[in-house]
C-alpha atoms as a PDB file:
ATOM      1  CA  MET A   1     112.716 104.658 106.005  1.00  0.00           C
ATOM      2  CA  PHE A   2     109.277 104.002 107.452  1.00  0.00           C
ATOM      3  CA  ALA A   3     108.086 101.605 110.175  1.00  0.00           C
ATOM      4  CA  SER A   4     104.583 100.546 111.062  1.00  0.00           C
ATOM      5  CA  ALA A   5     103.267  97.951 113.480  1.00  0.00           C
ATOM      6  CA  LEU A   6     100.020  96.333 114.499  1.00  0.00           C
ATOM      7  CA  ARG A   7     100.288  92.529 114.511  1.00  0.00           C
ATOM      8  CA  SER A   8     103.691  92.616 112.816  1.00  0.00           C
ATOM      9  CA  LEU A   9     106.455  95.172 112.490  1.00  0.00           C
ATOM     10  CA  VAL A  10     107.094  96.291 108.908  1.00  0.00           C
ATOM     11  CA  VAL A  11     110.078  98.440 107.982  1.00  0.00           C
ATOM     12  CA  ALA A  12     110.092  99.772 104.424  1.00  0.00           C
ATOM     13  CA  GLU A  13     112.161 102.056 102.245  1.00  0.00           C
ATOM     14  CA  CYS A  14     109.892 104.583 100.549  1.00  0.00           C
ATOM     15  CA  ASP A  15     110.986 106.347  97.400  1.00  0.00           C
ATOM     16  CA  GLY A  16     108.498 109.076  96.580  1.00  0.00           C
ATOM     17  CA  GLY A  17     110.728 112.101  96.219  1.00  0.00           C
ATOM     18  CA  ASP A  18     109.633 112.760  92.641  1.00  0.00           C
ATOM     19  CA  GLY A  19     106.170 113.935  93.725  1.00  0.00           C
ATOM     20  CA  SER A  20     104.357 110.821  92.527  1.00  0.00           C
ATOM     21  CA  ALA A  21     101.032 110.108  94.221  1.00  0.00           C
ATOM     22  CA  VAL A  22     102.002 106.545  95.193  1.00  0.00           C
ATOM     23  CA  PRO A  23     105.611 106.162  96.284  1.00  0.00           C
ATOM     24  CA  GLU A  24     107.521 102.986  95.500  1.00  0.00           C
ATOM     25  CA  GLN A  25     107.900 100.873  98.651  1.00  0.00           C
ATOM     26  CA  THR A  26     110.370  98.130  99.353  1.00  0.00           C
ATOM     27  CA  ALA A  27     109.834  96.068 102.502  1.00  0.00           C
ATOM     28  CA  LEU A  28     113.164  95.649 104.265  1.00  0.00           C
ATOM     29  CA  LEU A  29     111.883  93.716 107.256  1.00  0.00           C
ATOM     30  CA  GLU A  30     108.655  92.084 108.452  1.00  0.00           C
ATOM     31  CA  VAL A  31     108.524  90.486 111.899  1.00  0.00           C
ATOM     32  CA  PRO A  32     105.398  88.995 113.553  1.00  0.00           C
ATOM     33  CA  LEU A  33     104.855  90.454 117.038  1.00  0.00           C
ATOM     34  CA  GLU A  34     102.660  87.771 118.687  1.00  0.00           C
ATOM     35  CA  GLY A  35     100.294  90.457 119.905  1.00  0.00           C
ATOM     36  CA  VAL A  36      99.176  93.982 119.071  1.00  0.00           C
ATOM     37  CA  ALA A  37     101.583  96.919 118.927  1.00  0.00           C
ATOM     38  CA  ILE A  38     100.756  99.855 121.203  1.00  0.00           C
ATOM     39  CA  GLY A  39     103.519 102.123 119.898  1.00  0.00           C
ATOM     40  CA  LEU A  40     106.975 102.118 118.357  1.00  0.00           C
ATOM     41  CA  GLU A  41     110.089 104.252 118.365  1.00  0.00           C
ATOM     42  CA  TRP A  42     113.457 104.092 116.565  1.00  0.00           C
ATOM     43  CA  ASP A  43     116.672 103.291 118.462  1.00  0.00           C
ATOM     44  CA  THR A  44     119.179 104.950 116.137  1.00  0.00           C
ATOM     45  CA  LEU A  45     122.216 104.001 118.235  1.00  0.00           C
ATOM     46  CA  SER A  46     121.647 100.235 118.028  1.00  0.00           C
ATOM     47  CA  GLU A  47     119.706 100.318 114.732  1.00  0.00           C
ATOM     48  CA  ARG A  48     116.631  98.731 116.323  1.00  0.00           C
ATOM     49  CA  VAL A  49     112.958  99.463 116.685  1.00  0.00           C
ATOM     50  CA  ALA A  50     111.411  99.416 120.175  1.00  0.00           C
ATOM     51  CA  VAL A  51     107.784  98.240 120.113  1.00  0.00           C
ATOM     52  CA  ALA A  52     105.404  98.094 123.096  1.00  0.00           C
ATOM     53  CA  VAL A  53     103.247  94.981 122.599  1.00  0.00           C
ATOM     54  CA  THR A  54     100.120  93.593 124.291  1.00  0.00           C
ATOM     55  CA  ASP A  55      98.413  90.275 123.597  1.00  0.00           C
ATOM     56  CA  GLY A  56      95.793  90.015 126.355  1.00  0.00           C
ATOM     57  CA  LYS A  57      97.045  86.581 127.475  1.00  0.00           C
ATOM     58  CA  ARG A  58     100.316  87.390 129.201  1.00  0.00           C
ATOM     59  CA  ALA A  59     102.050  90.461 130.571  1.00  0.00           C
ATOM     60  CA  ASP A  60     102.629  93.315 128.123  1.00  0.00           C
ATOM     61  CA  ARG A  61     106.199  93.580 126.899  1.00  0.00           C
ATOM     62  CA  LEU A  62     108.779  95.691 125.160  1.00  0.00           C
ATOM     63  CA  CYS A  63     110.062  94.076 121.973  1.00  0.00           C
ATOM     64  CA  LEU A  64     113.404  95.246 120.540  1.00  0.00           C
ATOM     65  CA  VAL A  65     113.822  94.290 116.877  1.00  0.00           C
ATOM     66  CA  ASP A  66     117.151  94.686 115.079  1.00  0.00           C
ATOM     67  CA  VAL A  67     117.786  95.124 111.352  1.00  0.00           C
ATOM     68  CA  GLU A  68     118.108  91.358 110.793  1.00  0.00           C
ATOM     69  CA  GLY A  69     114.750  90.642 112.461  1.00  0.00           C
ATOM     70  CA  SER A  70     116.182  89.264 115.716  1.00  0.00           C
ATOM     71  CA  THR A  71     114.027  90.153 118.706  1.00  0.00           C
ATOM     72  CA  GLU A  72     114.654  90.666 122.400  1.00  0.00           C
ATOM     73  CA  ASP A  73     111.637  90.832 124.726  1.00  0.00           C
ATOM     74  CA  VAL A  74     111.442  92.536 128.116  1.00  0.00           C
ATOM     75  CA  SER A  75     108.287  91.660 130.075  1.00  0.00           C
ATOM     76  CA  LEU A  76     106.462  94.320 132.063  1.00  0.00           C
ATOM     77  CA  PRO A  77     105.093  93.476 135.524  1.00  0.00           C
ATOM     78  CA  ALA A  78     101.672  91.798 135.629  1.00  0.00           C
ATOM     79  CA  GLY A  79      98.892  94.374 135.536  1.00  0.00           C
ATOM     80  CA  ALA A  80     101.114  97.074 134.031  1.00  0.00           C
ATOM     81  CA  GLY A  81      99.663  97.501 130.551  1.00  0.00           C
ATOM     82  CA  ALA A  82     101.789  99.448 128.080  1.00  0.00           C
ATOM     83  CA  THR A  83     100.306 102.678 126.727  1.00  0.00           C
ATOM     84  CA  GLY A  84     103.290 104.168 124.895  1.00  0.00           C
ATOM     85  CA  VAL A  85     107.018 103.959 124.251  1.00  0.00           C
ATOM     86  CA  THR A  86     109.873 106.421 123.767  1.00  0.00           C
ATOM     87  CA  VAL A  87     113.623 106.026 123.168  1.00  0.00           C
ATOM     88  CA  HIS A  88     116.521 108.231 124.236  1.00  0.00           C
ATOM     89  CA  CYS A  89     120.022 107.577 122.872  1.00  0.00           C
ATOM     90  CA  THR A  90     123.282 109.081 124.153  1.00  0.00           C
ATOM     91  CA  PRO A  91     125.854 108.206 121.450  1.00  0.00           C
ATOM     92  CA  GLU A  92     128.902 109.571 123.289  1.00  0.00           C
ATOM     93  CA  LYS A  93     128.187 107.177 126.192  1.00  0.00           C
ATOM     94  CA  ARG A  94     126.825 104.372 123.949  1.00  0.00           C
ATOM     95  CA  LYS A  95     123.633 104.286 126.062  1.00  0.00           C
ATOM     96  CA  THR A  96     120.042 103.698 125.005  1.00  0.00           C
ATOM     97  CA  TRP A  97     117.118 104.085 127.388  1.00  0.00           C
ATOM     98  CA  VAL A  98     113.569 103.027 126.527  1.00  0.00           C
ATOM     99  CA  GLY A  99     110.680 104.509 128.501  1.00  0.00           C
ATOM    100  CA  VAL A 100     107.400 102.602 128.584  1.00  0.00           C
ATOM    101  CA  SER A 101     104.348 104.382 130.005  1.00  0.00           C
ATOM    102  CA  CYS A 102     101.970 102.000 131.765  1.00  0.00           C
ATOM    103  CA  THR A 103      98.318 101.846 132.827  1.00  0.00           C
ATOM    104  CA  ASP A 104      99.325 101.750 136.504  1.00  0.00           C
ATOM    105  CA  GLY A 105     100.698 105.291 136.154  1.00  0.00           C
ATOM    106  CA  ALA A 106     104.364 104.285 136.158  1.00  0.00           C
ATOM    107  CA  LEU A 107     107.010 105.116 133.582  1.00  0.00           C
ATOM    108  CA  ARG A 108     109.326 102.141 133.377  1.00  0.00           C
ATOM    109  CA  LEU A 109     112.863 102.742 132.119  1.00  0.00           C
ATOM    110  CA  VAL A 110     114.700  99.920 130.382  1.00  0.00           C
ATOM    111  CA  ASP A 111     118.448 100.058 129.752  1.00  0.00           C
ATOM    112  CA  ALA A 112     118.509  98.890 126.135  1.00  0.00           C
ATOM    113  CA  SER A 113     122.141  99.799 125.492  1.00  0.00           C
ATOM    114  CA  PRO A 114     124.046  97.821 122.873  1.00  0.00           C
END
């Protein structure tokens, strides 16, 4: 599986194991982000993708997108622009933490547990 984001999040299944130059791709999900993606990371525990998004009009945000395309947004404080995102899952505790690095020097932790 492969995910890419800029103005929308696209998750695709790529089948190129036979050595062909252009692998077959099947889009499984495409969700508009209403902004520009700064970074993304997989949340394997909840089967979601965490995407840091900026749009220049409102506060940057963390967008959590599940396999059906449903989204949950968490706004960052005003003036705290997102520069990156990382996810840490602890399956035995059913916990997911998302870290968002920001332009104000802070690392904001979001409890994104299922």
